[in-house]
Amino acid sequence: MAQIEAKYGELVKALGFSGAEARRRSQTLADLVLAEWSALARKKLKTTLPAYLRSLQVRNVTENGFICGLPASPSTAIIAHMVEQGMGSGGIGTSGAYDVRKFLLRESTRNIRRSKTGQLYLHVPFHRTKKDIVSQYGKQIGSAVQRLKATTTDANRKTRYGGRLPPNLVPKLKPHHVSDPLAGMVRRASTYSKGAGGKPRSQTSGYQTWRTASYSNTNPQAWMSKGIKARRIADDVLRELPALIRMVY
């Protein structure tokens, strides 16, 4: 389950609430549930926390109830549903190790390409922040990526590439990896401001690398994931729901 549908029409009637007052209390309870859900997520999640929090929502608030949680369709909040329900070889809601390419290399995948030999491949983007880079690899590497000539995208969505970080500045994460995690990294600058004399100045918006997913890599460990453990945060929220209801009614 990735959302909570609270219905308490009989309780509202028994307490004598109606109209605007009943709607106000319903909204208050919905806000409390959302706040509790967000707080519990912060205790359980790390790198996936921002994506998870962005996906949480309250909707359909009435005098008699509301819906709170993740969107009903996993396709609109994939990362959030993965960490909530788990991810394995059978997709969201399953567990265990799986080959990520099984889900990436599909005709329907956005930006999918086909090689001259007819093989599907995909350039998968990986986004990093300077804080993350410095924390993991030190200030020297952080300065190196910051000095890269900016890669920008204009109003017509045409990308103009700047500098790229050379390979072998940091170790590979795993022996079977083709390259180290920062090789080919670019500094994205998608926004602008006015500098001295009114001249445009680029502002760093993040750092990015790409790795190519295809079945041409025959290493049995290539693109293998150990799977994503289901956090079931909604279950934790449900256990707190009676106490939250007592706070409002």
C-alpha atoms as a PDB file:
ATOM      1  CA  MET A   1       0.000   0.000   0.000  1.00  0.00           C
ATOM      2  CA  ALA A   2       1.325   3.451  -0.892  1.00  0.00           C
ATOM      3  CA  GLN A   3      -1.500   5.678   0.318  1.00  0.00           C
ATOM      4  CA  ILE A   4      -3.985   6.012   3.173  1.00  0.00           C
ATOM      5  CA  GLU A   5      -7.651   6.646   2.468  1.00  0.00           C
ATOM      6  CA  ALA A   6      -9.244   7.917   5.668  1.00  0.00           C
ATOM      7  CA  LYS A   7     -13.045   7.837   5.967  1.00  0.00           C
ATOM      8  CA  TYR A   8     -14.713   8.966   9.155  1.00  0.00           C
ATOM      9  CA  GLY A   9     -18.155  10.243   8.145  1.00  0.00           C
ATOM     10  CA  GLU A  10     -19.929   8.457  11.001  1.00  0.00           C
ATOM     11  CA  LEU A  11     -17.502   9.914  13.535  1.00  0.00           C
ATOM     12  CA  VAL A  12     -18.068  13.421  12.192  1.00  0.00           C
ATOM     13  CA  LYS A  13     -21.835  13.036  12.419  1.00  0.00           C
ATOM     14  CA  ALA A  14     -21.646  11.594  15.934  1.00  0.00           C
ATOM     15  CA  LEU A  15     -19.612  14.576  17.116  1.00  0.00           C
ATOM     16  CA  GLY A  16     -22.017  17.018  15.511  1.00  0.00           C
ATOM     17  CA  PHE A  17     -19.593  18.579  13.031  1.00  0.00           C
ATOM     18  CA  SER A  18     -20.795  19.684   9.614  1.00  0.00           C
ATOM     19  CA  GLY A  19     -20.102  22.115   6.803  1.00  0.00           C
ATOM     20  CA  ALA A  20     -17.053  24.360   7.000  1.00  0.00           C
ATOM     21  CA  GLU A  21     -16.031  23.159  10.479  1.00  0.00           C
ATOM     22  CA  ALA A  22     -16.012  19.505   9.424  1.00  0.00           C
ATOM     23  CA  ARG A  23     -14.024  20.400   6.293  1.00  0.00           C
ATOM     24  CA  ARG A  24     -11.517  22.390   8.357  1.00  0.00           C
ATOM     25  CA  ARG A  25     -10.911  19.537  10.778  1.00  0.00           C
ATOM     26  CA  SER A  26     -10.566  17.102   7.905  1.00  0.00           C
ATOM     27  CA  GLN A  27      -7.910  19.316   6.319  1.00  0.00           C
ATOM     28  CA  THR A  28      -6.120  19.630   9.671  1.00  0.00           C
ATOM     29  CA  LEU A  29      -5.998  15.855  10.060  1.00  0.00           C
ATOM     30  CA  ALA A  30      -4.773  15.422   6.479  1.00  0.00           C
ATOM     31  CA  ASP A  31      -1.977  17.925   7.141  1.00  0.00           C
ATOM     32  CA  LEU A  32      -1.011  16.082  10.344  1.00  0.00           C
ATOM     33  CA  VAL A  33      -0.850  12.754   8.502  1.00  0.00           C
ATOM     34  CA  LEU A  34       1.300  14.276   5.768  1.00  0.00           C
ATOM     35  CA  ALA A  35       3.636  15.812   8.361  1.00  0.00           C
ATOM     36  CA  GLU A  36       3.920  12.502  10.224  1.00  0.00           C
ATOM     37  CA  TRP A  37       4.551  10.614   6.988  1.00  0.00           C
ATOM     38  CA  SER A  38       7.304  13.078   6.033  1.00  0.00           C
ATOM     39  CA  ALA A  39       8.909  12.823   9.485  1.00  0.00           C
ATOM     40  CA  LEU A  40       8.954   9.012   9.381  1.00  0.00           C
ATOM     41  CA  ALA A  41      10.435   9.086   5.860  1.00  0.00           C
ATOM     42  CA  ARG A  42      13.283  11.293   7.105  1.00  0.00           C
ATOM     43  CA  LYS A  43      14.152   8.611   9.673  1.00  0.00           C
ATOM     44  CA  LYS A  44      14.278   5.777   7.135  1.00  0.00           C
ATOM     45  CA  LEU A  45      15.550   7.299   3.885  1.00  0.00           C
ATOM     46  CA  LYS A  46      18.745   9.037   2.785  1.00  0.00           C
ATOM     47  CA  THR A  47      19.599   9.582  -0.882  1.00  0.00           C
ATOM     48  CA  THR A  48      16.038   8.837  -2.035  1.00  0.00           C
ATOM     49  CA  LEU A  49      14.437  11.140   0.538  1.00  0.00           C
ATOM     50  CA  PRO A  50      13.998  14.250  -1.703  1.00  0.00           C
ATOM     51  CA  ALA A  51      12.261  12.246  -4.450  1.00  0.00           C
ATOM     52  CA  TYR A  52      10.061  10.509  -1.882  1.00  0.00           C
ATOM     53  CA  LEU A  53       9.000  13.737  -0.167  1.00  0.00           C
ATOM     54  CA  ARG A  54       8.214  15.397  -3.511  1.00  0.00           C
ATOM     55  CA  SER A  55       5.837  12.523  -4.294  1.00  0.00           C
ATOM     56  CA  LEU A  56       3.819  12.666  -1.073  1.00  0.00           C
ATOM     57  CA  GLN A  57       0.500  14.432  -1.515  1.00  0.00           C
ATOM     58  CA  VAL A  58      -2.906  15.056   0.048  1.00  0.00           C
ATOM     59  CA  ARG A  59      -5.965  14.990  -2.188  1.00  0.00           C
ATOM     60  CA  ASN A  60      -9.748  14.579  -2.179  1.00  0.00           C
ATOM     61  CA  VAL A  61     -10.232  16.309   1.180  1.00  0.00           C
ATOM     62  CA  THR A  62     -13.933  16.392   2.141  1.00  0.00           C
ATOM     63  CA  GLU A  63     -15.967  16.666   5.342  1.00  0.00           C
ATOM     64  CA  ASN A  64     -15.820  12.879   5.665  1.00  0.00           C
ATOM     65  CA  GLY A  65     -12.257  11.976   4.753  1.00  0.00           C
ATOM     66  CA  PHE A  66      -9.198  12.355   2.526  1.00  0.00           C
ATOM     67  CA  ILE A  67      -6.471  10.460   0.669  1.00  0.00           C
ATOM     68  CA  CYS A  68      -2.826  10.920   1.631  1.00  0.00           C
ATOM     69  CA  GLY A  69       0.344   9.293   0.322  1.00  0.00           C
ATOM     70  CA  LEU A  70       2.018   8.493  -2.966  1.00  0.00           C
ATOM     71  CA  PRO A  71       0.228   8.774  -6.336  1.00  0.00           C
ATOM     72  CA  ALA A  72      -1.839   5.707  -7.168  1.00  0.00           C
ATOM     73  CA  SER A  73       0.183   5.074 -10.338  1.00  0.00           C
ATOM     74  CA  PRO A  74       3.838   4.124  -9.763  1.00  0.00           C
ATOM     75  CA  SER A  75       4.735   5.601 -13.169  1.00  0.00           C
ATOM     76  CA  THR A  76       4.272   9.128 -11.790  1.00  0.00           C
ATOM     77  CA  ALA A  77       6.570   8.570  -8.786  1.00  0.00           C
ATOM     78  CA  ILE A  78       8.798   5.636  -9.673  1.00  0.00           C
ATOM     79  CA  ILE A  79      11.602   6.158  -7.146  1.00  0.00           C
ATOM     80  CA  ALA A  80       9.165   6.762  -4.290  1.00  0.00           C
ATOM     81  CA  HIS A  81       7.190   3.615  -5.069  1.00  0.00           C
ATOM     82  CA  MET A  82      10.412   1.608  -5.365  1.00  0.00           C
ATOM     83  CA  VAL A  83      11.545   2.477  -1.850  1.00  0.00           C
ATOM     84  CA  GLU A  84       8.038   2.167  -0.384  1.00  0.00           C
ATOM     85  CA  GLN A  85       7.100  -1.179  -1.948  1.00  0.00           C
ATOM     86  CA  GLY A  86      10.523  -2.609  -2.845  1.00  0.00           C
ATOM     87  CA  MET A  87      11.999  -3.456  -6.230  1.00  0.00           C
ATOM     88  CA  GLY A  88      13.156  -6.824  -7.519  1.00  0.00           C
ATOM     89  CA  SER A  89      13.242  -8.976 -10.631  1.00  0.00           C
ATOM     90  CA  GLY A  90       9.456  -8.824 -10.950  1.00  0.00           C
ATOM     91  CA  GLY A  91       9.325  -5.023 -10.774  1.00  0.00           C
ATOM     92  CA  ILE A  92       7.917  -2.735  -8.086  1.00  0.00           C
ATOM     93  CA  GLY A  93       6.462  -4.703  -5.202  1.00  0.00           C
ATOM     94  CA  THR A  94       8.926  -7.609  -5.484  1.00  0.00           C
ATOM     95  CA  SER A  95      12.331  -8.251  -3.922  1.00  0.00           C
ATOM     96  CA  GLY A  96      15.724  -9.733  -4.751  1.00  0.00           C
ATOM     97  CA  ALA A  97      18.598  -9.048  -7.143  1.00  0.00           C
ATOM     98  CA  TYR A  98      17.833  -8.109 -10.748  1.00  0.00           C
ATOM     99  CA  ASP A  99      19.424  -6.911 -13.983  1.00  0.00           C
ATOM    100  CA  VAL A 100      18.548  -3.217 -14.292  1.00  0.00           C
ATOM    101  CA  ARG A 101      18.716  -3.477 -18.105  1.00  0.00           C
ATOM    102  CA  LYS A 102      15.577  -5.626 -18.028  1.00  0.00           C
ATOM    103  CA  PHE A 103      13.621  -2.458 -17.219  1.00  0.00           C
ATOM    104  CA  LEU A 104      15.797   0.125 -18.999  1.00  0.00           C
ATOM    105  CA  LEU A 105      16.172  -1.455 -22.432  1.00  0.00           C
ATOM    106  CA  ARG A 106      12.621  -1.382 -23.727  1.00  0.00           C
ATOM    107  CA  GLU A 107      11.249   0.133 -26.912  1.00  0.00           C
ATOM    108  CA  SER A 108       8.979   2.369 -24.846  1.00  0.00           C
ATOM    109  CA  THR A 109      11.840   3.796 -22.760  1.00  0.00           C
ATOM    110  CA  ARG A 110      12.394   7.507 -23.313  1.00  0.00           C
ATOM    111  CA  ASN A 111      15.569   8.320 -25.311  1.00  0.00           C
ATOM    112  CA  ILE A 112      16.171   4.640 -26.141  1.00  0.00           C
ATOM    113  CA  ARG A 113      18.442   4.118 -29.157  1.00  0.00           C
ATOM    114  CA  ARG A 114      19.310   1.274 -31.496  1.00  0.00           C
ATOM    115  CA  SER A 115      22.802   0.473 -32.740  1.00  0.00           C
ATOM    116  CA  LYS A 116      23.722  -0.403 -36.323  1.00  0.00           C
ATOM    117  CA  THR A 117      23.498  -4.060 -35.357  1.00  0.00           C
ATOM    118  CA  GLY A 118      19.959  -3.551 -34.059  1.00  0.00           C
ATOM    119  CA  GLN A 119      20.859  -3.697 -30.375  1.00  0.00           C
ATOM    120  CA  LEU A 120      19.040  -1.368 -27.971  1.00  0.00           C
ATOM    121  CA  TYR A 121      21.126   0.922 -25.771  1.00  0.00           C
ATOM    122  CA  LEU A 122      20.518   3.841 -23.450  1.00  0.00           C
ATOM    123  CA  HIS A 123      22.688   6.635 -22.064  1.00  0.00           C
ATOM    124  CA  VAL A 124      21.688   6.710 -18.394  1.00  0.00           C
ATOM    125  CA  PRO A 125      22.263  10.039 -16.576  1.00  0.00           C
ATOM    126  CA  PHE A 126      23.649  10.203 -13.046  1.00  0.00           C
ATOM    127  CA  HIS A 127      23.366  13.484 -11.141  1.00  0.00           C
ATOM    128  CA  ARG A 128      25.691  14.635  -8.361  1.00  0.00           C
ATOM    129  CA  THR A 129      26.094  17.718  -6.195  1.00  0.00           C
ATOM    130  CA  LYS A 130      29.397  19.354  -5.301  1.00  0.00           C
ATOM    131  CA  LYS A 131      28.696  18.667  -1.625  1.00  0.00           C
ATOM    132  CA  ASP A 132      28.332  14.968  -2.371  1.00  0.00           C
ATOM    133  CA  ILE A 133      31.498  14.918  -4.506  1.00  0.00           C
ATOM    134  CA  VAL A 134      33.601  16.736  -1.885  1.00  0.00           C
ATOM    135  CA  SER A 135      32.243  14.525   0.899  1.00  0.00           C
ATOM    136  CA  GLN A 136      33.190  11.354  -0.971  1.00  0.00           C
ATOM    137  CA  TYR A 137      36.365  12.348  -2.820  1.00  0.00           C
ATOM    138  CA  GLY A 138      37.758  15.463  -1.131  1.00  0.00           C
ATOM    139  CA  LYS A 139      38.154  19.173  -1.847  1.00  0.00           C
ATOM    140  CA  GLN A 140      40.737  18.692  -4.597  1.00  0.00           C
ATOM    141  CA  ILE A 141      38.284  16.747  -6.771  1.00  0.00           C
ATOM    142  CA  GLY A 142      35.544  19.219  -5.847  1.00  0.00           C
ATOM    143  CA  SER A 143      37.697  22.082  -7.139  1.00  0.00           C
ATOM    144  CA  ALA A 144      38.466  20.155 -10.333  1.00  0.00           C
ATOM    145  CA  VAL A 145      34.804  19.698 -11.243  1.00  0.00           C
ATOM    146  CA  GLN A 146      34.007  23.301 -10.328  1.00  0.00           C
ATOM    147  CA  ARG A 147      36.677  24.532 -12.774  1.00  0.00           C
ATOM    148  CA  LEU A 148      35.126  22.663 -15.704  1.00  0.00           C
ATOM    149  CA  LYS A 149      33.875  24.845 -18.545  1.00  0.00           C
ATOM    150  CA  ALA A 150      30.094  24.859 -18.212  1.00  0.00           C
ATOM    151  CA  THR A 151      27.734  22.673 -20.241  1.00  0.00           C
ATOM    152  CA  THR A 152      24.595  24.683 -21.034  1.00  0.00           C
ATOM    153  CA  THR A 153      21.201  24.125 -22.653  1.00  0.00           C
ATOM    154  CA  ASP A 154      19.619  26.992 -24.593  1.00  0.00           C
ATOM    155  CA  ALA A 155      15.952  27.928 -25.045  1.00  0.00           C
ATOM    156  CA  ASN A 156      15.704  25.526 -27.994  1.00  0.00           C
ATOM    157  CA  ARG A 157      16.933  22.661 -25.777  1.00  0.00           C
ATOM    158  CA  LYS A 158      20.199  22.467 -27.675  1.00  0.00           C
ATOM    159  CA  THR A 159      23.036  21.398 -25.399  1.00  0.00           C
ATOM    160  CA  ARG A 160      26.459  22.989 -25.740  1.00  0.00           C
ATOM    161  CA  TYR A 161      29.011  20.805 -23.990  1.00  0.00           C
ATOM    162  CA  GLY A 162      31.897  22.301 -22.070  1.00  0.00           C
ATOM    163  CA  GLY A 163      34.659  20.505 -20.225  1.00  0.00           C
ATOM    164  CA  ARG A 164      34.619  16.907 -19.062  1.00  0.00           C
ATOM    165  CA  LEU A 165      36.448  15.375 -16.137  1.00  0.00           C
ATOM    166  CA  PRO A 166      39.156  12.926 -17.318  1.00  0.00           C
ATOM    167  CA  PRO A 167      39.095   9.284 -16.169  1.00  0.00           C
ATOM    168  CA  ASN A 168      41.116   7.700 -13.370  1.00  0.00           C
ATOM    169  CA  LEU A 169      41.060  10.647 -10.955  1.00  0.00           C
ATOM    170  CA  VAL A 170      39.172   8.449  -8.498  1.00  0.00           C
ATOM    171  CA  PRO A 171      39.010   4.639  -8.113  1.00  0.00           C
ATOM    172  CA  LYS A 172      36.348   2.465  -9.713  1.00  0.00           C
ATOM    173  CA  LEU A 173      33.527   1.584  -7.354  1.00  0.00           C
ATOM    174  CA  LYS A 174      33.693  -2.088  -8.321  1.00  0.00           C
ATOM    175  CA  PRO A 175      36.291  -4.111 -10.281  1.00  0.00           C
ATOM    176  CA  HIS A 176      33.869  -5.005 -13.091  1.00  0.00           C
ATOM    177  CA  HIS A 177      32.913  -1.378 -13.788  1.00  0.00           C
ATOM    178  CA  VAL A 178      34.031  -0.037 -17.150  1.00  0.00           C
ATOM    179  CA  SER A 179      35.069   3.343 -15.726  1.00  0.00           C
ATOM    180  CA  ASP A 180      35.282   5.258 -12.477  1.00  0.00           C
ATOM    181  CA  PRO A 181      32.130   7.072 -11.274  1.00  0.00           C
ATOM    182  CA  LEU A 182      33.335  10.586 -12.183  1.00  0.00           C
ATOM    183  CA  ALA A 183      34.883   9.939 -15.608  1.00  0.00           C
ATOM    184  CA  GLY A 184      33.325  12.207 -18.228  1.00  0.00           C
ATOM    185  CA  MET A 185      31.522  14.357 -15.663  1.00  0.00           C
ATOM    186  CA  VAL A 186      30.235  17.742 -16.848  1.00  0.00           C
ATOM    187  CA  ARG A 187      29.264  20.862 -14.933  1.00  0.00           C
ATOM    188  CA  ARG A 188      25.710  21.866 -15.810  1.00  0.00           C
ATOM    189  CA  ALA A 189      24.816  25.572 -15.912  1.00  0.00           C
ATOM    190  CA  SER A 190      21.189  25.971 -16.915  1.00  0.00           C
ATOM    191  CA  THR A 191      20.401  29.353 -15.353  1.00  0.00           C
ATOM    192  CA  TYR A 192      21.924  32.785 -15.804  1.00  0.00           C
ATOM    193  CA  SER A 193      22.274  36.012 -13.858  1.00  0.00           C
ATOM    194  CA  LYS A 194      23.863  39.399 -14.489  1.00  0.00           C
ATOM    195  CA  GLY A 195      27.464  39.776 -13.433  1.00  0.00           C
ATOM    196  CA  ALA A 196      29.708  42.821 -13.305  1.00  0.00           C
ATOM    197  CA  GLY A 197      28.877  45.310 -16.053  1.00  0.00           C
ATOM    198  CA  GLY A 198      25.598  43.579 -16.820  1.00  0.00           C
ATOM    199  CA  LYS A 199      27.282  40.667 -18.610  1.00  0.00           C
ATOM    200  CA  PRO A 200      25.549  37.259 -18.388  1.00  0.00           C
ATOM    201  CA  ARG A 201      27.032  34.848 -15.879  1.00  0.00           C
ATOM    202  CA  SER A 202      26.395  31.124 -15.769  1.00  0.00           C
ATOM    203  CA  GLN A 203      25.367  29.495 -12.502  1.00  0.00           C
ATOM    204  CA  THR A 204      26.178  25.889 -11.705  1.00  0.00           C
ATOM    205  CA  SER A 205      23.044  23.768 -11.363  1.00  0.00           C
ATOM    206  CA  GLY A 206      24.747  20.437 -10.714  1.00  0.00           C
ATOM    207  CA  TYR A 207      27.109  17.834 -12.103  1.00  0.00           C
ATOM    208  CA  GLN A 208      26.277  14.926 -14.387  1.00  0.00           C
ATOM    209  CA  THR A 209      27.722  11.791 -15.941  1.00  0.00           C
ATOM    210  CA  TRP A 210      26.258   9.236 -18.340  1.00  0.00           C
ATOM    211  CA  ARG A 211      26.777   5.487 -18.527  1.00  0.00           C
ATOM    212  CA  THR A 212      25.677   3.343 -21.451  1.00  0.00           C
ATOM    213  CA  ALA A 213      23.373   0.427 -20.681  1.00  0.00           C
ATOM    214  CA  SER A 214      23.322  -2.328 -23.303  1.00  0.00           C
ATOM    215  CA  TYR A 215      23.666  -6.081 -23.539  1.00  0.00           C
ATOM    216  CA  SER A 216      27.008  -5.704 -25.318  1.00  0.00           C
ATOM    217  CA  ASN A 217      28.560  -5.802 -21.848  1.00  0.00           C
ATOM    218  CA  THR A 218      28.575  -9.531 -21.156  1.00  0.00           C
ATOM    219  CA  ASN A 219      30.045  -9.359 -17.666  1.00  0.00           C
ATOM    220  CA  PRO A 220      27.550 -11.296 -15.477  1.00  0.00           C
ATOM    221  CA  GLN A 221      27.723  -8.551 -12.842  1.00  0.00           C
ATOM    222  CA  ALA A 222      27.126  -5.672 -15.266  1.00  0.00           C
ATOM    223  CA  TRP A 223      24.098  -3.546 -14.326  1.00  0.00           C
ATOM    224  CA  MET A 224      23.108  -5.967 -11.573  1.00  0.00           C
ATOM    225  CA  SER A 225      21.273  -4.521  -8.583  1.00  0.00           C
ATOM    226  CA  LYS A 226      20.906  -6.251  -5.239  1.00  0.00           C
ATOM    227  CA  GLY A 227      17.332  -4.984  -5.221  1.00  0.00           C
ATOM    228  CA  ILE A 228      15.614  -2.281  -3.187  1.00  0.00           C
ATOM    229  CA  LYS A 229      14.266  -3.122   0.250  1.00  0.00           C
ATOM    230  CA  ALA A 230      10.623  -2.174   0.868  1.00  0.00           C
ATOM    231  CA  ARG A 231      10.484   0.503   3.597  1.00  0.00           C
ATOM    232  CA  ARG A 232       6.678   0.271   4.126  1.00  0.00           C
ATOM    233  CA  ILE A 233       6.494   3.756   5.638  1.00  0.00           C
ATOM    234  CA  ALA A 234       2.734   3.815   5.049  1.00  0.00           C
ATOM    235  CA  ASP A 235       2.379   0.992   7.588  1.00  0.00           C
ATOM    236  CA  ASP A 236       4.207   3.107  10.172  1.00  0.00           C
ATOM    237  CA  VAL A 237       1.841   6.013   9.470  1.00  0.00           C
ATOM    238  CA  LEU A 238      -1.201   3.768   9.880  1.00  0.00           C
ATOM    239  CA  ARG A 239      -0.037   2.783  13.366  1.00  0.00           C
ATOM    240  CA  GLU A 240       0.082   6.476  14.302  1.00  0.00           C
ATOM    241  CA  LEU A 241      -3.273   7.316  12.706  1.00  0.00           C
ATOM    242  CA  PRO A 242      -5.510   6.712  15.791  1.00  0.00           C
ATOM    243  CA  ALA A 243      -3.373   9.130  17.856  1.00  0.00           C
ATOM    244  CA  LEU A 244      -3.530  11.750  15.102  1.00  0.00           C
ATOM    245  CA  ILE A 245      -7.318  11.426  14.867  1.00  0.00           C
ATOM    246  CA  ARG A 246      -7.622  11.976  18.632  1.00  0.00           C
ATOM    247  CA  MET A 247      -5.642  15.219  18.251  1.00  0.00           C
ATOM    248  CA  VAL A 248      -8.287  16.600  15.864  1.00  0.00           C
ATOM    249  CA  TYR A 249     -11.529  14.988  17.056  1.00  0.00           C
END
